[in-house]
Protein backbone atom coordinates (compact mmCIF):
# COMPACT_ATOMS: atom_id res chain seq x y z
CA UNK A 1 -101.61 24.32 -48.69
CA UNK A 2 -98.14 23.53 -47.40
CA UNK A 3 -94.86 23.76 -49.22
CA UNK A 4 -91.54 22.02 -48.66
CA UNK A 5 -90.25 23.81 -45.56
CA UNK A 6 -86.62 22.78 -45.76
CA UNK A 7 -86.38 22.87 -49.54
CA UNK A 8 -87.88 26.28 -50.29
CA UNK A 9 -86.01 28.81 -48.17
CA UNK A 10 -87.41 32.16 -49.28
CA UNK A 11 -90.74 33.56 -50.49
CA UNK A 12 -89.03 34.72 -53.72
CA UNK A 13 -87.85 31.21 -54.48
CA UNK A 14 -91.32 29.85 -53.71
CA UNK A 15 -92.86 32.26 -56.23
CA UNK A 16 -90.23 31.25 -58.80
CA UNK A 17 -90.84 27.53 -58.25
CA UNK A 18 -94.59 27.89 -58.51
CA UNK A 19 -94.65 30.34 -61.42
CA UNK A 20 -96.54 27.78 -63.52
CA UNK A 21 -99.36 27.73 -60.98
CA UNK A 22 -100.67 31.20 -61.85
CA UNK A 23 -104.00 29.74 -62.99
CA UNK A 24 -104.40 28.13 -59.58
CA UNK A 25 -103.77 31.50 -57.91
CA UNK A 26 -106.57 33.10 -59.94
CA UNK A 27 -109.07 30.36 -59.07
CA UNK A 28 -111.46 30.65 -56.16
CA UNK A 29 -110.08 27.95 -53.88
CA UNK A 30 -113.06 27.96 -51.51
CA UNK A 31 -114.83 25.34 -53.63
CA UNK A 32 -111.70 23.51 -54.75
CA UNK A 33 -111.53 19.84 -53.88
CA UNK A 34 -107.73 19.65 -54.14
CA UNK A 35 -105.38 19.52 -51.18
CA UNK A 36 -101.69 18.83 -50.86
CA UNK A 37 -100.04 17.96 -47.58
CA UNK A 38 -96.30 17.49 -47.35
CA UNK A 39 -94.47 15.47 -44.73
CA UNK A 40 -90.69 15.57 -44.45
CA UNK A 41 -89.62 12.81 -42.08
CA UNK A 42 -86.03 13.12 -40.95
CA UNK A 43 -83.84 10.83 -43.02
CA UNK A 44 -86.72 9.60 -45.14
CA UNK A 45 -88.39 10.47 -48.43
CA UNK A 46 -90.66 13.46 -48.79
CA UNK A 47 -94.31 12.40 -48.75
CA UNK A 48 -96.74 14.34 -50.97
CA UNK A 49 -100.34 13.49 -49.99
CA UNK A 50 -102.86 14.61 -52.57
CA UNK A 51 -106.62 14.50 -52.27
CA UNK A 52 -109.40 15.56 -54.60
CA UNK A 53 -108.91 16.26 -58.29
CA UNK A 54 -105.39 16.37 -59.72
CA UNK A 55 -106.12 17.85 -63.12
CA UNK A 56 -104.55 20.32 -65.56
CA UNK A 57 -105.21 23.15 -63.09
CA UNK A 58 -103.62 21.50 -60.05
CA UNK A 59 -100.93 19.30 -61.65
CA UNK A 60 -98.43 22.21 -61.92
CA UNK A 61 -98.37 22.29 -58.12
CA UNK A 62 -97.38 18.62 -58.07
CA UNK A 63 -94.80 19.33 -60.78
CA UNK A 64 -93.29 22.21 -58.78
CA UNK A 65 -92.99 20.06 -55.67
CA UNK A 66 -91.40 17.19 -57.61
CA UNK A 67 -88.99 19.67 -59.24
CA UNK A 68 -87.85 20.70 -55.77
CA UNK A 69 -87.42 17.06 -54.78
CA UNK A 70 -85.21 16.54 -57.84
CA UNK A 71 -83.28 19.75 -57.22
CA UNK A 72 -82.31 18.61 -53.76
CA UNK A 73 -81.66 14.96 -54.59
CA UNK A 74 -84.35 13.56 -52.34
CA UNK A 75 -86.61 10.54 -52.70
CA UNK A 76 -90.36 11.03 -52.78
CA UNK A 77 -93.63 9.25 -52.15
CA UNK A 78 -96.75 10.53 -53.90
CA UNK A 79 -99.90 9.41 -52.12
CA UNK A 80 -102.81 9.36 -54.59
CA UNK A 81 -105.03 7.08 -52.50
CA UNK A 82 -107.32 9.98 -51.57
CA UNK A 83 -107.74 11.38 -55.06
CA UNK A 84 -111.02 11.37 -56.92
CA UNK A 85 -109.52 12.17 -60.33
CA UNK A 86 -105.97 12.00 -61.69
CA UNK A 87 -105.59 13.50 -65.15
CA UNK A 88 -102.98 13.22 -67.87
CA UNK A 89 -101.16 16.31 -66.61
CA UNK A 90 -100.55 14.64 -63.24
CA UNK A 91 -99.39 11.41 -64.91
CA UNK A 92 -97.03 13.46 -67.07
CA UNK A 93 -95.62 15.12 -63.94
CA UNK A 94 -94.94 11.71 -62.42
CA UNK A 95 -93.49 10.32 -65.67
CA UNK A 96 -91.13 13.28 -66.01
CA UNK A 97 -90.03 13.26 -62.38
CA UNK A 98 -89.39 9.50 -62.10
CA UNK A 99 -86.27 9.35 -64.28
CA UNK A 100 -84.95 12.67 -62.95
CA UNK A 101 -85.25 11.51 -59.33
CA UNK A 102 -83.63 8.21 -60.30
CA UNK A 103 -80.70 10.09 -61.93
CA UNK A 104 -80.12 11.82 -58.58
CA UNK A 105 -79.95 8.36 -56.93
CA UNK A 106 -83.36 8.85 -55.35
CA UNK A 107 -86.53 6.82 -55.62
CA UNK A 108 -90.07 7.77 -56.58
CA UNK A 109 -92.90 5.62 -55.31
CA UNK A 110 -96.62 6.16 -55.72
CA UNK A 111 -99.42 4.84 -53.53
CA UNK A 112 -102.50 4.59 -55.72
CA UNK A 113 -105.78 2.71 -56.09
CA UNK A 114 -105.69 -0.41 -58.28
CA UNK A 115 -107.26 1.17 -61.43
CA UNK A 116 -104.69 3.97 -61.39
CA UNK A 117 -101.82 1.53 -60.80
CA UNK A 118 -102.92 -0.42 -63.88
CA UNK A 119 -102.97 2.76 -65.98
CA UNK A 120 -99.47 3.73 -64.82
CA UNK A 121 -98.20 0.24 -65.65
CA UNK A 122 -99.83 0.23 -69.09
CA UNK A 123 -98.38 3.56 -70.17
CA UNK A 124 -94.87 2.30 -69.42
CA UNK A 125 -93.78 4.58 -66.62
CA UNK A 126 -90.97 2.23 -65.59
CA UNK A 127 -89.25 4.68 -63.19
CA UNK A 128 -92.50 5.18 -61.26
CA UNK A 129 -93.20 2.25 -58.99
CA UNK A 130 -96.73 1.95 -57.68
CA UNK A 131 -98.04 0.34 -54.51
CA UNK A 132 -101.42 -0.29 -52.94
CA UNK A 133 -100.47 1.11 -49.52
CA UNK A 134 -98.64 4.19 -48.35
CA UNK A 135 -96.46 2.05 -46.07
CA UNK A 136 -95.19 -0.07 -48.98
CA UNK A 137 -94.57 3.03 -51.12
CA UNK A 138 -92.68 4.72 -48.28
CA UNK A 139 -90.51 1.65 -47.70
CA UNK A 140 -89.71 1.40 -51.41
CA UNK A 141 -88.77 5.07 -51.67
CA UNK A 142 -86.72 4.91 -48.50
CA UNK A 143 -84.81 1.69 -49.16
CA UNK A 144 -85.10 1.23 -52.90
CA UNK A 145 -86.65 -2.21 -52.37
CA UNK A 146 -89.86 -3.28 -54.08
CA UNK A 147 -91.33 -4.77 -50.90
CA UNK A 148 -90.25 -4.69 -47.27
CA UNK A 149 -88.06 -7.66 -46.35
CA UNK A 150 -90.08 -10.65 -45.20
CA UNK A 151 -88.99 -12.45 -42.07
CA UNK A 152 -88.82 -16.18 -41.48
CA UNK A 153 -87.96 -17.09 -45.05
CA UNK A 154 -91.46 -16.27 -46.29
CA UNK A 155 -91.85 -15.88 -50.03
CA UNK A 156 -92.80 -12.66 -51.73
CA UNK A 157 -96.17 -12.51 -53.47
CA UNK A 158 -96.05 -13.49 -57.15
CA UNK A 159 -95.82 -10.72 -59.68
CA UNK A 160 -94.01 -8.35 -57.33
CA UNK A 161 -90.42 -9.23 -57.99
CA UNK A 162 -90.88 -12.69 -56.51
CA UNK A 163 -88.72 -15.61 -57.43
CA UNK A 164 -90.33 -17.79 -60.09
CA UNK A 165 -92.26 -20.70 -58.72
CA UNK A 166 -90.47 -23.93 -59.44
CA UNK A 167 -92.37 -27.10 -60.00
CA UNK A 168 -91.15 -30.61 -60.46
CA UNK A 169 -91.55 -31.98 -63.97
CA UNK A 170 -94.64 -34.07 -64.41
CA UNK A 171 -94.01 -37.77 -64.97
CA UNK A 172 -95.67 -39.31 -67.90
CA UNK A 173 -96.72 -42.88 -68.35
């Protein structure tokens, strides 16, 4: 597992930040299907790539990483495309971090499969924007835009912040 290199400077601070992950430390990780990879592109949002099960046991790791993102006023992308299970604890971590990152003038974007995006939308996590690709989520977190700008005057897809479709009134009789 990797941790935020530039955000967590000392081993003592790492232990403090991950104090809620004690249960994870006691678990045999040989058979664990959870991984977290962190990318920190220069000048861009931190990308947290999760795979496997993000449940009550592993969600505190996500929470600790998002807490560090908030602490340092960064934007973040959470890639859940490779997950096999995302539990309520992980959704709570995202719901809590979204407004806090937004208060620091950052952006939180999540790349997730369609069923998970629908769940996030239904539970009203309005500060957590979801996308079907990592590229779209990264662009949104980096620029604050919902979709990358389209060239040549092309229209945005409907339902994604697009302008309403205008139609001429129908003539009768």
